[in-house]
Amino acid sequence: MNKLFEIGIDEVGKGAVFGPVFSAVVVLTEKNKTILRQFGVTDSKRLTPKKRKLLFPKILLLSSDYGIGQSSAREIDKLGIRVATELSMIRALRKLKEKPSELLIDGPLLLRPWMGIQKNIISGDLKFTSIASASILAKVSRDSLMERLDKKHPGFFIFKNKGYGTKEHLSIIKDNGITNLHRKSFLRNQILFKAHQSRKSLTNCF
């Protein structure tokens, strides 16, 4: 895949306590980058859910190629979040018809398994349309899965919290326990952190 294309990759759900991490890669021509910017493509976090859903099919239509990959909660617990995130990115990249000549990655971390030219871009989803488009594909795909899983695991408000450790979500876990899709390693770390904070607060009282 030559340099006539911009190829960007991004992930979503890395900090959640439930469900998989998703990644998407998008290949765009200069012309279609301009069209997508005019449609309002930018960092998915700056868009409403409605706007992201409206942009999703437009990105699919205007992409020269794209791929979406994920890594499960079990893989996250077994491998650690960084390795699992990299695995989701590699799975997305494997869905492309051709190997990118250069890959733009959102954030400071290298995609270590990728044997090709890559550039890390801080706030890349604000600077490159391909990364912003990838963030939207990954976000809408993961949110759609959260909506379906909400029906399978009622009472955890998964669609509302998107699997993140909100105060409400953690309170429900405390009362009802966890599902097989919760990230045990994340919840263990949160419990340890809270215990440390509690001990610190008690120490400060004396």
Protein backbone atom coordinates (compact mmCIF):
# COMPACT_ATOMS: atom_id res chain seq x y z
CA MET A 1 0.00 0.00 0.00
CA ASN A 2 1.78 3.16 -1.19
CA LYS A 3 1.97 6.67 0.24
CA LEU A 4 -1.02 7.87 -1.79
CA PHE A 5 -2.95 6.64 1.24
CA GLU A 6 -3.06 7.68 4.89
CA ILE A 7 -3.46 4.69 7.22
CA GLY A 8 -4.41 5.32 10.85
CA ILE A 9 -5.14 2.99 13.76
CA ASP A 10 -6.74 3.59 17.17
CA GLU A 11 -8.21 1.64 20.08
CA VAL A 12 -11.13 2.05 22.48
CA GLY A 13 -12.05 0.39 25.75
CA LYS A 14 -8.52 0.07 27.11
CA GLY A 15 -9.54 1.45 30.52
CA ALA A 16 -12.83 -0.44 30.92
CA VAL A 17 -13.37 -3.14 33.55
CA PHE A 18 -15.79 -5.19 31.41
CA GLY A 19 -15.58 -6.61 27.93
CA PRO A 20 -13.02 -6.52 25.14
CA VAL A 21 -10.72 -3.81 23.88
CA PHE A 22 -11.42 -2.84 20.25
CA SER A 23 -9.11 -1.46 17.56
CA ALA A 24 -9.76 -0.22 14.05
CA VAL A 25 -7.55 0.74 11.13
CA VAL A 26 -8.71 2.96 8.26
CA VAL A 27 -7.13 3.63 4.86
CA LEU A 28 -8.00 6.96 3.21
CA THR A 29 -7.12 8.87 0.05
CA GLU A 30 -6.45 12.61 0.25
CA LYS A 31 -9.76 13.33 -1.48
CA ASN A 32 -11.80 11.22 0.92
CA LYS A 33 -9.97 12.63 3.95
CA THR A 34 -11.23 16.07 2.92
CA ILE A 35 -14.79 14.80 2.42
CA LEU A 36 -14.83 13.11 5.84
CA ARG A 37 -13.51 16.24 7.55
CA GLN A 38 -16.35 18.17 5.91
CA PHE A 39 -18.79 15.60 7.31
CA GLY A 40 -17.41 16.34 10.77
CA VAL A 41 -15.02 13.46 11.41
CA THR A 42 -12.83 14.13 14.44
CA ASP A 43 -11.81 12.39 17.67
CA SER A 44 -14.72 10.08 18.59
CA LYS A 45 -14.69 11.36 22.19
CA ARG A 46 -15.68 14.82 20.91
CA LEU A 47 -18.74 13.50 19.10
CA THR A 48 -22.16 12.52 20.39
CA PRO A 49 -23.24 8.87 20.05
CA LYS A 50 -25.77 9.95 17.41
CA LYS A 51 -23.10 11.75 15.35
CA ARG A 52 -20.73 8.78 15.57
CA LYS A 53 -23.46 6.44 14.30
CA LEU A 54 -24.19 8.79 11.40
CA LEU A 55 -20.51 8.95 10.46
CA PHE A 56 -19.91 5.19 10.73
CA PRO A 57 -21.41 4.18 7.34
CA LYS A 58 -19.84 7.22 5.64
CA ILE A 59 -16.39 6.14 6.85
CA LEU A 60 -16.99 2.59 5.63
CA LEU A 61 -18.09 3.91 2.23
CA LEU A 62 -15.19 6.34 1.80
CA SER A 63 -12.43 4.12 3.18
CA SER A 64 -10.21 2.46 0.59
CA ASP A 65 -9.89 -0.32 3.16
CA TYR A 66 -10.50 -0.87 6.87
CA GLY A 67 -10.25 -3.51 9.58
CA ILE A 68 -11.71 -3.96 13.06
CA GLY A 69 -10.22 -6.26 15.70
CA GLN A 70 -10.74 -7.02 19.36
CA SER A 71 -9.14 -8.78 22.29
CA SER A 72 -11.27 -10.42 24.97
CA ALA A 73 -11.44 -9.83 28.71
CA ARG A 74 -9.85 -13.25 29.21
CA GLU A 75 -6.93 -12.30 26.96
CA ILE A 76 -6.57 -8.99 28.81
CA ASP A 77 -6.37 -10.84 32.15
CA LYS A 78 -3.91 -13.38 30.76
CA LEU A 79 -1.63 -11.13 28.68
CA GLY A 80 -2.01 -7.69 30.26
CA ILE A 81 -3.74 -4.72 28.67
CA ARG A 82 -0.87 -3.50 26.50
CA VAL A 83 -0.22 -6.87 24.86
CA ALA A 84 -3.96 -7.49 24.46
CA THR A 85 -4.43 -4.06 22.87
CA GLU A 86 -1.58 -4.78 20.47
CA LEU A 87 -3.23 -8.10 19.63
CA SER A 88 -6.51 -6.32 18.79
CA MET A 89 -4.58 -3.92 16.53
CA ILE A 90 -2.78 -6.76 14.74
CA ARG A 91 -6.13 -8.50 14.19
CA ALA A 92 -7.52 -5.31 12.65
CA LEU A 93 -4.45 -4.93 10.42
CA ARG A 94 -4.69 -8.52 9.22
CA LYS A 95 -8.09 -7.70 7.73
CA LEU A 96 -6.58 -5.20 5.28
CA LYS A 97 -6.12 -6.34 1.70
CA GLU A 98 -2.54 -5.03 1.62
CA LYS A 99 0.11 -4.33 4.23
CA PRO A 100 0.43 -0.57 4.91
CA SER A 101 3.69 1.09 3.86
CA GLU A 102 3.39 3.41 6.87
CA LEU A 103 1.09 3.21 9.88
CA LEU A 104 -0.05 6.16 11.99
CA ILE A 105 -0.78 5.15 15.60
CA ASP A 106 -2.66 7.27 18.11
CA GLY A 107 -0.67 7.80 21.31
CA PRO A 108 2.94 7.37 22.44
CA LEU A 109 3.24 3.56 22.46
CA LEU A 110 4.77 1.61 19.60
CA LEU A 111 2.89 -1.34 18.18
CA ARG A 112 5.71 -3.73 19.06
CA PRO A 113 4.61 -6.78 16.98
CA TRP A 114 4.27 -4.68 13.81
CA MET A 115 7.19 -5.23 11.45
CA GLY A 116 6.78 -2.09 9.36
CA ILE A 117 7.17 1.67 9.41
CA GLN A 118 5.05 3.26 12.13
CA LYS A 119 4.68 6.71 13.60
CA ASN A 120 3.25 7.51 17.01
CA ILE A 121 1.11 10.64 17.12
CA ILE A 122 0.07 12.21 20.43
CA SER A 123 -3.60 13.28 20.10
CA GLY A 124 -3.49 11.71 16.65
CA ASP A 125 -7.28 11.45 16.48
CA LEU A 126 -7.36 15.27 16.37
CA LYS A 127 -4.55 15.62 13.82
CA PHE A 128 -5.15 12.84 11.29
CA THR A 129 -8.48 11.98 9.67
CA SER A 130 -7.56 8.32 9.27
CA ILE A 131 -6.93 7.97 13.03
CA ALA A 132 -10.12 9.88 13.87
CA SER A 133 -12.05 7.63 11.49
CA ALA A 134 -10.51 4.56 13.10
CA SER A 135 -11.50 5.83 16.55
CA ILE A 136 -15.12 6.21 15.39
CA LEU A 137 -15.26 2.72 13.85
CA ALA A 138 -13.79 1.17 16.99
CA LYS A 139 -16.04 3.17 19.33
CA VAL A 140 -19.30 2.48 17.48
CA SER A 141 -18.42 -1.22 17.10
CA ARG A 142 -17.62 -1.60 20.79
CA ASP A 143 -20.68 0.38 21.92
CA SER A 144 -22.86 -1.82 19.72
CA LEU A 145 -21.43 -4.89 21.42
CA MET A 146 -22.02 -3.31 24.85
CA GLU A 147 -25.67 -2.80 23.93
CA ARG A 148 -26.03 -6.49 23.07
CA LEU A 149 -24.15 -7.63 26.18
CA ASP A 150 -26.34 -5.40 28.33
CA LYS A 151 -29.26 -7.69 27.48
CA LYS A 152 -27.25 -10.80 28.39
CA HIS A 153 -26.06 -9.32 31.69
CA PRO A 154 -28.97 -7.24 33.00
CA GLY A 155 -28.49 -5.27 36.19
CA PHE A 156 -24.94 -4.09 35.44
CA PHE A 157 -26.06 -1.15 33.23
CA ILE A 158 -23.40 -2.12 30.69
CA PHE A 159 -24.84 -0.03 27.86
CA LYS A 160 -24.98 2.99 30.15
CA ASN A 161 -21.44 2.67 31.51
CA LYS A 162 -19.95 1.02 28.38
CA GLY A 163 -18.14 -1.39 30.66
CA TYR A 164 -16.16 1.32 32.46
CA GLY A 165 -15.71 1.28 36.23
CA THR A 166 -18.18 3.98 37.15
CA LYS A 167 -19.15 4.36 40.80
CA GLU A 168 -22.52 2.76 40.04
CA HIS A 169 -20.95 -0.14 38.15
CA LEU A 170 -18.43 -0.88 40.91
CA SER A 171 -21.17 -0.69 43.53
CA ILE A 172 -23.21 -3.30 41.61
CA ILE A 173 -20.14 -5.56 41.38
CA LYS A 174 -19.65 -5.23 45.13
CA ASP A 175 -23.26 -6.33 45.73
CA ASN A 176 -23.72 -8.92 42.96
CA GLY A 177 -20.25 -10.16 42.03
CA ILE A 178 -18.81 -10.26 38.51
CA THR A 179 -19.60 -11.88 35.17
CA ASN A 180 -17.22 -13.93 33.05
CA LEU A 181 -16.68 -10.82 30.90
CA HIS A 182 -15.36 -8.63 33.69
CA ARG A 183 -11.61 -8.02 33.72
CA LYS A 184 -10.51 -9.62 36.98
CA SER A 185 -7.04 -8.07 36.80
CA PHE A 186 -8.50 -4.57 36.48
CA LEU A 187 -10.93 -5.06 39.35
CA ARG A 188 -8.18 -6.51 41.53
CA ASN A 189 -6.05 -3.42 40.87
CA GLN A 190 -8.97 -1.07 41.63
CA ILE A 191 -9.68 -2.86 44.91
CA LEU A 192 -6.00 -2.69 45.92
CA PHE A 193 -5.85 1.00 45.00
CA LYS A 194 -8.99 1.77 47.02
CA ALA A 195 -7.61 -0.18 50.00
CA HIS A 196 -4.39 1.81 49.76
CA GLN A 197 -6.33 5.08 49.60
CA SER A 198 -8.39 4.05 52.64
CA ARG A 199 -5.26 3.24 54.65
CA LYS A 200 -3.73 6.54 53.57
CA SER A 201 -6.85 8.44 54.72
CA LEU A 202 -6.80 6.68 58.10
CA THR A 203 -3.10 7.48 58.54
CA ASN A 204 -3.76 11.16 57.80
CA CYS A 205 -6.31 11.27 60.61
CA PHE A 206 -3.62 10.79 63.26
